[in-house]
Amino acid sequence: LPLPEFVHFIDEMRSRLQGLNTLNANWGHIVDGNLHFNVTTPGLFQVDESVSDRLQPYLFESVLRRGGSITAEHGLGQTKNSYLKIVHDADCLIAMQKIKCAFDPVGILNPHKFLPRQ
């Protein structure tokens, strides 16, 4: 995310969370433009669907609209891999699938944890 967009992005996402019991802490590799936007729900130790519904897919769309991109140094996991279609076009996803198949032809290495199911 371009550095001048950080505050605008954070303000937009925080406004989406108004009225919910959440805390927001941000950190990242700021010089590189990497922002870790983190939201917690005090006292709740599982995913709060009302929070997720307020942020997704708006978070991804806001990043792209502001000239940023989505990366996941620890992977997208099973809950967010469907959002790759927002970030990458079909040709790119096909190329990713082909590379994955070249290294994992039977699909036993982290199935469905990075690329969306076809």
Foldseek 3Di string as FASTA:
>chain_A
DPLVCVVVLLVVLVVLCPPAQKDWDWDDPNVVPDIDTDIDHPPDDDDDVVSVVSPPPVSQVSQVVVVHADDDPPAPFQPCQVCVVVRDPPVVLVVVVVVCCVVVVPQPDPHNTHHHDD
